[in-house]
Amino acid sequence: MAARTRLTRDRVVGAALRVADAEGLDGLSMRRVADELGVETMALYRYTSSKDELLDGLVERLFIELEESLGSTPFGPAALAAGDAETAPPWREALVGVARAMYRVALAHPHVVPLMALRPFTVPLTRRPPAVLRAHERLLTRLERAGLGERATLELYRAFISWVLGYIVTELREVVDNPDEPEPAFRLGLHRLPVKEFPRLRALGPGLAARGGEEQLAAGVTALIDRFAPPT
């Protein structure tokens, strides 16, 4: 009973994140979260009314972690709010810094990452968690202050979000044929592909499965910036 009096939404979402990190999203349920907290399942519904709301809470938690990781750095909310060119980095550098920070947060929670890309398809913009909206607001503000026109701002905004989330989801969601197999080709099941029909997939599969890391992510962001807002 004492545990119930200390229950909060933050604790519920934190428990859900621990479960998802350890067991994946397939292992996440209201009952499993209740077990993690040592309470009855019904006790959770005061703080989150459904599993969908719980999933939104996980997305919010990742964006809060992003906000905290940026913190008082030159890429963070404080530097942007100040609008001071002496403390804030050039906007191109800032976008790359935000992408790197997103990657590091995702790396800590690889099982939850798909939600960052998928939940927007089910949740209208205005109903997304405040931490998510703040991240998008800061991005648009940074692009606006860079002096881009409305069209260039929207194009680069869409390209940045699509590239970073797509890269991270692809990078961290490894799907293998046999996780116990140490040999990369057999681990991926490439031996099952007919060699005459899929020679390039057979040859390049292990390389495609290897992580590109932050550097390839940063290179992609830089290329997008140069494409939609070339240096003058």
C-alpha atoms as a PDB file:
ATOM      1  CA  MET A   1       0.000   0.000   0.000  1.00  0.00           C
ATOM      2  CA  ALA A   2       2.880   2.354   0.792  1.00  0.00           C
ATOM      3  CA  ALA A   3       4.261   1.808  -2.705  1.00  0.00           C
ATOM      4  CA  ARG A   4       0.955   2.897  -4.219  1.00  0.00           C
ATOM      5  CA  THR A   5       0.995   6.235  -2.373  1.00  0.00           C
ATOM      6  CA  ARG A   6       4.361   7.013  -3.999  1.00  0.00           C
ATOM      7  CA  LEU A   7       3.227   6.101  -7.504  1.00  0.00           C
ATOM      8  CA  THR A   8       3.494   8.907 -10.066  1.00  0.00           C
ATOM      9  CA  ARG A   9       3.254   9.145 -13.832  1.00  0.00           C
ATOM     10  CA  ASP A  10       7.000   9.682 -13.980  1.00  0.00           C
ATOM     11  CA  ARG A  11       7.598   6.453 -12.064  1.00  0.00           C
ATOM     12  CA  VAL A  12       5.174   4.554 -14.299  1.00  0.00           C
ATOM     13  CA  VAL A  13       6.858   5.752 -17.485  1.00  0.00           C
ATOM     14  CA  GLY A  14      10.277   5.097 -15.966  1.00  0.00           C
ATOM     15  CA  ALA A  15       9.274   1.523 -15.181  1.00  0.00           C
ATOM     16  CA  ALA A  16       7.909   1.094 -18.705  1.00  0.00           C
ATOM     17  CA  LEU A  17      11.214   2.305 -20.121  1.00  0.00           C
ATOM     18  CA  ARG A  18      13.141  -0.195 -18.016  1.00  0.00           C
ATOM     19  CA  VAL A  19      10.908  -3.019 -19.229  1.00  0.00           C
ATOM     20  CA  ALA A  20      11.185  -1.937 -22.875  1.00  0.00           C
ATOM     21  CA  ASP A  21      14.963  -1.563 -22.622  1.00  0.00           C
ATOM     22  CA  ALA A  22      15.313  -5.049 -21.166  1.00  0.00           C
ATOM     23  CA  GLU A  23      12.607  -6.970 -23.004  1.00  0.00           C
ATOM     24  CA  GLY A  24      11.715  -4.928 -26.079  1.00  0.00           C
ATOM     25  CA  LEU A  25       8.375  -3.422 -26.985  1.00  0.00           C
ATOM     26  CA  ASP A  26       6.864  -6.887 -27.477  1.00  0.00           C
ATOM     27  CA  GLY A  27       7.440  -7.531 -23.783  1.00  0.00           C
ATOM     28  CA  LEU A  28       5.836  -4.268 -22.691  1.00  0.00           C
ATOM     29  CA  SER A  29       2.350  -4.423 -21.200  1.00  0.00           C
ATOM     30  CA  MET A  30       0.450  -2.676 -18.441  1.00  0.00           C
ATOM     31  CA  ARG A  31       0.644  -5.850 -16.371  1.00  0.00           C
ATOM     32  CA  ARG A  32       4.393  -6.137 -16.857  1.00  0.00           C
ATOM     33  CA  VAL A  33       4.890  -2.497 -15.803  1.00  0.00           C
ATOM     34  CA  ALA A  34       2.718  -3.090 -12.747  1.00  0.00           C
ATOM     35  CA  ASP A  35       4.884  -6.091 -11.837  1.00  0.00           C
ATOM     36  CA  GLU A  36       7.993  -3.936 -12.223  1.00  0.00           C
ATOM     37  CA  LEU A  37       6.520  -1.434  -9.750  1.00  0.00           C
ATOM     38  CA  GLY A  38       5.088  -4.037  -7.401  1.00  0.00           C
ATOM     39  CA  VAL A  39       1.493  -2.814  -7.725  1.00  0.00           C
ATOM     40  CA  GLU A  40      -1.794  -4.044  -9.150  1.00  0.00           C
ATOM     41  CA  THR A  41      -2.349  -3.345 -12.844  1.00  0.00           C
ATOM     42  CA  MET A  42      -5.409  -1.211 -12.154  1.00  0.00           C
ATOM     43  CA  ALA A  43      -3.283   1.157 -10.092  1.00  0.00           C
ATOM     44  CA  LEU A  44      -1.532   2.317 -13.273  1.00  0.00           C
ATOM     45  CA  TYR A  45      -4.654   3.638 -14.974  1.00  0.00           C
ATOM     46  CA  ARG A  46      -4.771   6.683 -12.727  1.00  0.00           C
ATOM     47  CA  TYR A  47      -1.499   7.813 -14.307  1.00  0.00           C
ATOM     48  CA  THR A  48      -1.762   6.424 -17.842  1.00  0.00           C
ATOM     49  CA  SER A  49      -5.123   5.467 -19.241  1.00  0.00           C
ATOM     50  CA  SER A  50      -3.955   3.013 -21.900  1.00  0.00           C
ATOM     51  CA  LYS A  51      -0.951   1.335 -23.427  1.00  0.00           C
ATOM     52  CA  ASP A  52      -1.018   3.898 -26.250  1.00  0.00           C
ATOM     53  CA  GLU A  53      -0.650   6.667 -23.702  1.00  0.00           C
ATOM     54  CA  LEU A  54       2.194   4.723 -22.137  1.00  0.00           C
ATOM     55  CA  LEU A  55       3.940   4.505 -25.535  1.00  0.00           C
ATOM     56  CA  ASP A  56       3.566   8.253 -25.946  1.00  0.00           C
ATOM     57  CA  GLY A  57       5.132   8.603 -22.520  1.00  0.00           C
ATOM     58  CA  LEU A  58       8.142   6.613 -23.686  1.00  0.00           C
ATOM     59  CA  VAL A  59       8.595   8.903 -26.683  1.00  0.00           C
ATOM     60  CA  GLU A  60       8.305  11.892 -24.367  1.00  0.00           C
ATOM     61  CA  ARG A  61      10.935  10.400 -22.040  1.00  0.00           C
ATOM     62  CA  LEU A  62      13.427  10.034 -24.896  1.00  0.00           C
ATOM     63  CA  PHE A  63      12.915  13.642 -25.954  1.00  0.00           C
ATOM     64  CA  ILE A  64      13.307  14.775 -22.344  1.00  0.00           C
ATOM     65  CA  GLU A  65      16.594  12.868 -22.241  1.00  0.00           C
ATOM     66  CA  LEU A  66      17.588  14.616 -25.463  1.00  0.00           C
ATOM     67  CA  GLU A  67      16.763  17.990 -23.929  1.00  0.00           C
ATOM     68  CA  GLU A  68      18.739  17.139 -20.802  1.00  0.00           C
ATOM     69  CA  SER A  69      21.709  15.829 -22.792  1.00  0.00           C
ATOM     70  CA  LEU A  70      21.872  19.078 -24.742  1.00  0.00           C
ATOM     71  CA  GLY A  71      21.338  21.022 -21.524  1.00  0.00           C
ATOM     72  CA  SER A  72      23.560  24.075 -21.255  1.00  0.00           C
ATOM     73  CA  THR A  73      25.751  23.059 -24.198  1.00  0.00           C
ATOM     74  CA  PRO A  74      26.010  25.405 -27.179  1.00  0.00           C
ATOM     75  CA  PHE A  75      23.424  23.194 -28.905  1.00  0.00           C
ATOM     76  CA  GLY A  76      20.915  23.311 -26.064  1.00  0.00           C
ATOM     77  CA  PRO A  77      17.687  25.188 -25.311  1.00  0.00           C
ATOM     78  CA  ALA A  78      19.412  27.889 -23.256  1.00  0.00           C
ATOM     79  CA  ALA A  79      21.760  28.916 -26.068  1.00  0.00           C
ATOM     80  CA  LEU A  80      18.896  29.004 -28.538  1.00  0.00           C
ATOM     81  CA  ALA A  81      16.652  30.981 -26.186  1.00  0.00           C
ATOM     82  CA  ALA A  82      19.391  33.549 -25.646  1.00  0.00           C
ATOM     83  CA  GLY A  83      19.745  34.058 -29.370  1.00  0.00           C
ATOM     84  CA  ASP A  84      23.319  35.203 -28.760  1.00  0.00           C
ATOM     85  CA  ALA A  85      25.656  34.628 -31.685  1.00  0.00           C
ATOM     86  CA  GLU A  86      28.609  34.638 -29.313  1.00  0.00           C
ATOM     87  CA  THR A  87      27.326  31.716 -27.241  1.00  0.00           C
ATOM     88  CA  ALA A  88      25.356  29.779 -29.865  1.00  0.00           C
ATOM     89  CA  PRO A  89      27.263  27.849 -32.544  1.00  0.00           C
ATOM     90  CA  PRO A  90      26.645  28.415 -36.259  1.00  0.00           C
ATOM     91  CA  TRP A  91      23.295  26.913 -37.174  1.00  0.00           C
ATOM     92  CA  ARG A  92      24.829  24.236 -39.416  1.00  0.00           C
ATOM     93  CA  GLU A  93      27.042  23.038 -36.580  1.00  0.00           C
ATOM     94  CA  ALA A  94      24.054  23.172 -34.241  1.00  0.00           C
ATOM     95  CA  LEU A  95      21.969  20.861 -36.437  1.00  0.00           C
ATOM     96  CA  VAL A  96      24.777  18.311 -36.607  1.00  0.00           C
ATOM     97  CA  GLY A  97      25.158  18.553 -32.816  1.00  0.00           C
ATOM     98  CA  VAL A  98      21.454  17.872 -32.273  1.00  0.00           C
ATOM     99  CA  ALA A  99      21.596  14.866 -34.629  1.00  0.00           C
ATOM    100  CA  ARG A 100      24.550  13.446 -32.716  1.00  0.00           C
ATOM    101  CA  ALA A 101      22.725  13.926 -29.408  1.00  0.00           C
ATOM    102  CA  MET A 102      19.642  12.143 -30.772  1.00  0.00           C
ATOM    103  CA  TYR A 103      21.827   9.243 -31.838  1.00  0.00           C
ATOM    104  CA  ARG A 104      23.344   8.897 -28.359  1.00  0.00           C
ATOM    105  CA  VAL A 105      19.943   8.929 -26.657  1.00  0.00           C
ATOM    106  CA  ALA A 106      18.692   6.327 -29.134  1.00  0.00           C
ATOM    107  CA  LEU A 107      21.774   4.190 -28.561  1.00  0.00           C
ATOM    108  CA  ALA A 108      20.830   3.995 -24.874  1.00  0.00           C
ATOM    109  CA  HIS A 109      17.286   2.827 -25.746  1.00  0.00           C
ATOM    110  CA  PRO A 110      17.458   0.922 -29.058  1.00  0.00           C
ATOM    111  CA  HIS A 111      14.245  -1.025 -28.454  1.00  0.00           C
ATOM    112  CA  VAL A 112      12.234   2.180 -28.003  1.00  0.00           C
ATOM    113  CA  VAL A 113      13.664   4.036 -31.006  1.00  0.00           C
ATOM    114  CA  PRO A 114      11.004   2.852 -33.523  1.00  0.00           C
ATOM    115  CA  LEU A 115       8.362   4.694 -31.508  1.00  0.00           C
ATOM    116  CA  MET A 116      10.059   8.015 -32.274  1.00  0.00           C
ATOM    117  CA  ALA A 117       9.367   7.417 -35.957  1.00  0.00           C
ATOM    118  CA  LEU A 118       6.065   5.527 -35.763  1.00  0.00           C
ATOM    119  CA  ARG A 119       4.013   7.297 -33.088  1.00  0.00           C
ATOM    120  CA  PRO A 120       3.634  10.515 -35.128  1.00  0.00           C
ATOM    121  CA  PHE A 121       1.557   8.493 -37.608  1.00  0.00           C
ATOM    122  CA  THR A 122      -1.024   7.853 -34.886  1.00  0.00           C
ATOM    123  CA  VAL A 123      -0.850  11.070 -32.851  1.00  0.00           C
ATOM    124  CA  PRO A 124      -1.843  14.474 -34.303  1.00  0.00           C
ATOM    125  CA  LEU A 125       0.805  17.164 -34.046  1.00  0.00           C
ATOM    126  CA  THR A 126      -0.964  19.210 -31.378  1.00  0.00           C
ATOM    127  CA  ARG A 127      -1.487  16.153 -29.157  1.00  0.00           C
ATOM    128  CA  ARG A 128       2.132  15.090 -29.051  1.00  0.00           C
ATOM    129  CA  PRO A 129       3.987  15.388 -25.730  1.00  0.00           C
ATOM    130  CA  PRO A 130       5.343  18.864 -24.865  1.00  0.00           C
ATOM    131  CA  ALA A 131       8.956  17.676 -24.950  1.00  0.00           C
ATOM    132  CA  VAL A 132       8.463  16.503 -28.544  1.00  0.00           C
ATOM    133  CA  LEU A 133       6.862  19.793 -29.566  1.00  0.00           C
ATOM    134  CA  ARG A 134       9.655  21.782 -27.920  1.00  0.00           C
ATOM    135  CA  ALA A 135      12.281  19.877 -29.918  1.00  0.00           C
ATOM    136  CA  HIS A 136      10.506  20.647 -33.194  1.00  0.00           C
ATOM    137  CA  GLU A 137       9.945  24.270 -32.188  1.00  0.00           C
ATOM    138  CA  ARG A 138      13.655  24.716 -31.464  1.00  0.00           C
ATOM    139  CA  LEU A 139      14.592  23.194 -34.805  1.00  0.00           C
ATOM    140  CA  LEU A 140      12.260  25.490 -36.735  1.00  0.00           C
ATOM    141  CA  THR A 141      13.475  28.498 -34.744  1.00  0.00           C
ATOM    142  CA  ARG A 142      17.101  27.658 -35.484  1.00  0.00           C
ATOM    143  CA  LEU A 143      16.372  27.433 -39.218  1.00  0.00           C
ATOM    144  CA  GLU A 144      14.346  30.640 -39.157  1.00  0.00           C
ATOM    145  CA  ARG A 145      17.170  32.522 -37.445  1.00  0.00           C
ATOM    146  CA  ALA A 146      19.546  31.218 -40.093  1.00  0.00           C
ATOM    147  CA  GLY A 147      17.734  33.465 -42.534  1.00  0.00           C
ATOM    148  CA  LEU A 148      16.246  30.695 -44.652  1.00  0.00           C
ATOM    149  CA  GLY A 149      13.036  31.415 -46.479  1.00  0.00           C
ATOM    150  CA  GLU A 150       9.856  29.624 -45.476  1.00  0.00           C
ATOM    151  CA  ARG A 151      10.140  27.086 -48.286  1.00  0.00           C
ATOM    152  CA  ALA A 152      13.788  26.250 -47.546  1.00  0.00           C
ATOM    153  CA  THR A 153      13.031  26.044 -43.830  1.00  0.00           C
ATOM    154  CA  LEU A 154      10.232  23.532 -44.345  1.00  0.00           C
ATOM    155  CA  GLU A 155      12.214  21.476 -46.865  1.00  0.00           C
ATOM    156  CA  LEU A 156      15.277  21.233 -44.636  1.00  0.00           C
ATOM    157  CA  TYR A 157      13.137  20.610 -41.540  1.00  0.00           C
ATOM    158  CA  ARG A 158      11.399  17.656 -43.214  1.00  0.00           C
ATOM    159  CA  ALA A 159      14.643  16.303 -44.641  1.00  0.00           C
ATOM    160  CA  PHE A 160      16.444  16.580 -41.292  1.00  0.00           C
ATOM    161  CA  ILE A 161      13.705  14.782 -39.335  1.00  0.00           C
ATOM    162  CA  SER A 162      13.318  12.071 -41.985  1.00  0.00           C
ATOM    163  CA  TRP A 163      17.036  11.421 -42.343  1.00  0.00           C
ATOM    164  CA  VAL A 164      17.921  11.411 -38.643  1.00  0.00           C
ATOM    165  CA  LEU A 165      15.008   9.220 -37.524  1.00  0.00           C
ATOM    166  CA  GLY A 166      15.314   6.920 -40.538  1.00  0.00           C
ATOM    167  CA  TYR A 167      19.044   6.526 -40.039  1.00  0.00           C
ATOM    168  CA  ILE A 168      18.716   5.825 -36.335  1.00  0.00           C
ATOM    169  CA  VAL A 169      15.898   3.291 -36.721  1.00  0.00           C
ATOM    170  CA  THR A 170      17.757   1.465 -39.489  1.00  0.00           C
ATOM    171  CA  GLU A 171      21.028   1.617 -37.584  1.00  0.00           C
ATOM    172  CA  LEU A 172      19.796   0.283 -34.254  1.00  0.00           C
ATOM    173  CA  ARG A 173      17.081  -2.206 -35.210  1.00  0.00           C
ATOM    174  CA  GLU A 174      19.175  -5.211 -36.191  1.00  0.00           C
ATOM    175  CA  VAL A 175      17.126  -8.077 -37.611  1.00  0.00           C
ATOM    176  CA  VAL A 176      19.052 -11.303 -37.796  1.00  0.00           C
ATOM    177  CA  ASP A 177      18.313 -14.831 -38.881  1.00  0.00           C
ATOM    178  CA  ASN A 178      20.226 -16.488 -36.048  1.00  0.00           C
ATOM    179  CA  PRO A 179      21.379 -14.267 -33.146  1.00  0.00           C
ATOM    180  CA  ASP A 180      23.540 -17.080 -31.732  1.00  0.00           C
ATOM    181  CA  GLU A 181      25.599 -17.400 -34.913  1.00  0.00           C
ATOM    182  CA  PRO A 182      28.966 -15.559 -34.636  1.00  0.00           C
ATOM    183  CA  GLU A 183      29.722 -15.559 -38.368  1.00  0.00           C
ATOM    184  CA  PRO A 184      28.144 -12.365 -39.828  1.00  0.00           C
ATOM    185  CA  ALA A 185      26.949 -13.928 -43.073  1.00  0.00           C
ATOM    186  CA  PHE A 186      25.247 -16.824 -41.289  1.00  0.00           C
ATOM    187  CA  ARG A 187      23.970 -14.540 -38.530  1.00  0.00           C
ATOM    188  CA  LEU A 188      22.132 -12.517 -41.171  1.00  0.00           C
ATOM    189  CA  GLY A 189      21.000 -15.614 -43.030  1.00  0.00           C
ATOM    190  CA  LEU A 190      22.701 -14.556 -46.253  1.00  0.00           C
ATOM    191  CA  HIS A 191      23.377 -18.199 -47.085  1.00  0.00           C
ATOM    192  CA  ARG A 192      19.653 -18.558 -47.681  1.00  0.00           C
ATOM    193  CA  LEU A 193      19.764 -16.121 -50.620  1.00  0.00           C
ATOM    194  CA  PRO A 194      20.359 -17.714 -54.057  1.00  0.00           C
ATOM    195  CA  VAL A 195      23.812 -16.500 -55.063  1.00  0.00           C
ATOM    196  CA  LYS A 196      22.935 -16.113 -58.749  1.00  0.00           C
ATOM    197  CA  GLU A 197      19.814 -14.059 -58.017  1.00  0.00           C
ATOM    198  CA  PHE A 198      21.172 -11.817 -55.228  1.00  0.00           C
ATOM    199  CA  PRO A 199      24.947 -11.587 -55.678  1.00  0.00           C
ATOM    200  CA  ARG A 200      25.310  -8.009 -54.403  1.00  0.00           C
ATOM    201  CA  LEU A 201      23.228  -8.617 -51.285  1.00  0.00           C
ATOM    202  CA  ARG A 202      25.300 -11.713 -50.567  1.00  0.00           C
ATOM    203  CA  ALA A 203      28.551  -9.814 -51.039  1.00  0.00           C
ATOM    204  CA  LEU A 204      27.645  -6.537 -49.333  1.00  0.00           C
ATOM    205  CA  GLY A 205      25.171  -7.787 -46.724  1.00  0.00           C
ATOM    206  CA  PRO A 206      27.619  -7.843 -43.787  1.00  0.00           C
ATOM    207  CA  GLY A 207      28.750  -4.320 -44.631  1.00  0.00           C
ATOM    208  CA  LEU A 208      25.174  -3.105 -44.857  1.00  0.00           C
ATOM    209  CA  ALA A 209      24.451  -4.638 -41.470  1.00  0.00           C
ATOM    210  CA  ALA A 210      27.413  -2.892 -39.812  1.00  0.00           C
ATOM    211  CA  ARG A 211      26.666   0.332 -37.987  1.00  0.00           C
ATOM    212  CA  GLY A 212      27.718   3.549 -39.627  1.00  0.00           C
ATOM    213  CA  GLY A 213      27.814   5.393 -36.312  1.00  0.00           C
ATOM    214  CA  GLU A 214      27.668   9.088 -35.587  1.00  0.00           C
ATOM    215  CA  GLU A 215      30.089  10.062 -38.333  1.00  0.00           C
ATOM    216  CA  GLN A 216      27.902   8.777 -41.161  1.00  0.00           C
ATOM    217  CA  LEU A 217      24.883  10.355 -39.511  1.00  0.00           C
ATOM    218  CA  ALA A 218      26.699  13.701 -39.307  1.00  0.00           C
ATOM    219  CA  ALA A 219      27.878  13.394 -42.914  1.00  0.00           C
ATOM    220  CA  GLY A 220      24.301  12.836 -44.047  1.00  0.00           C
ATOM    221  CA  VAL A 221      23.031  15.864 -42.123  1.00  0.00           C
ATOM    222  CA  THR A 222      25.790  18.018 -43.609  1.00  0.00           C
ATOM    223  CA  ALA A 223      24.881  16.827 -47.118  1.00  0.00           C
ATOM    224  CA  LEU A 224      21.225  17.695 -46.513  1.00  0.00           C
ATOM    225  CA  ILE A 225      22.135  21.160 -45.300  1.00  0.00           C
ATOM    226  CA  ASP A 226      24.274  21.766 -48.387  1.00  0.00           C
ATOM    227  CA  ARG A 227      21.455  20.484 -50.601  1.00  0.00           C
ATOM    228  CA  PHE A 228      18.664  22.654 -49.195  1.00  0.00           C
ATOM    229  CA  ALA A 229      20.672  25.634 -47.982  1.00  0.00           C
ATOM    230  CA  PRO A 230      23.952  25.799 -49.909  1.00  0.00           C
ATOM    231  CA  PRO A 231      26.607  28.177 -48.558  1.00  0.00           C
ATOM    232  CA  THR A 232      26.536  31.623 -50.124  1.00  0.00           C
END
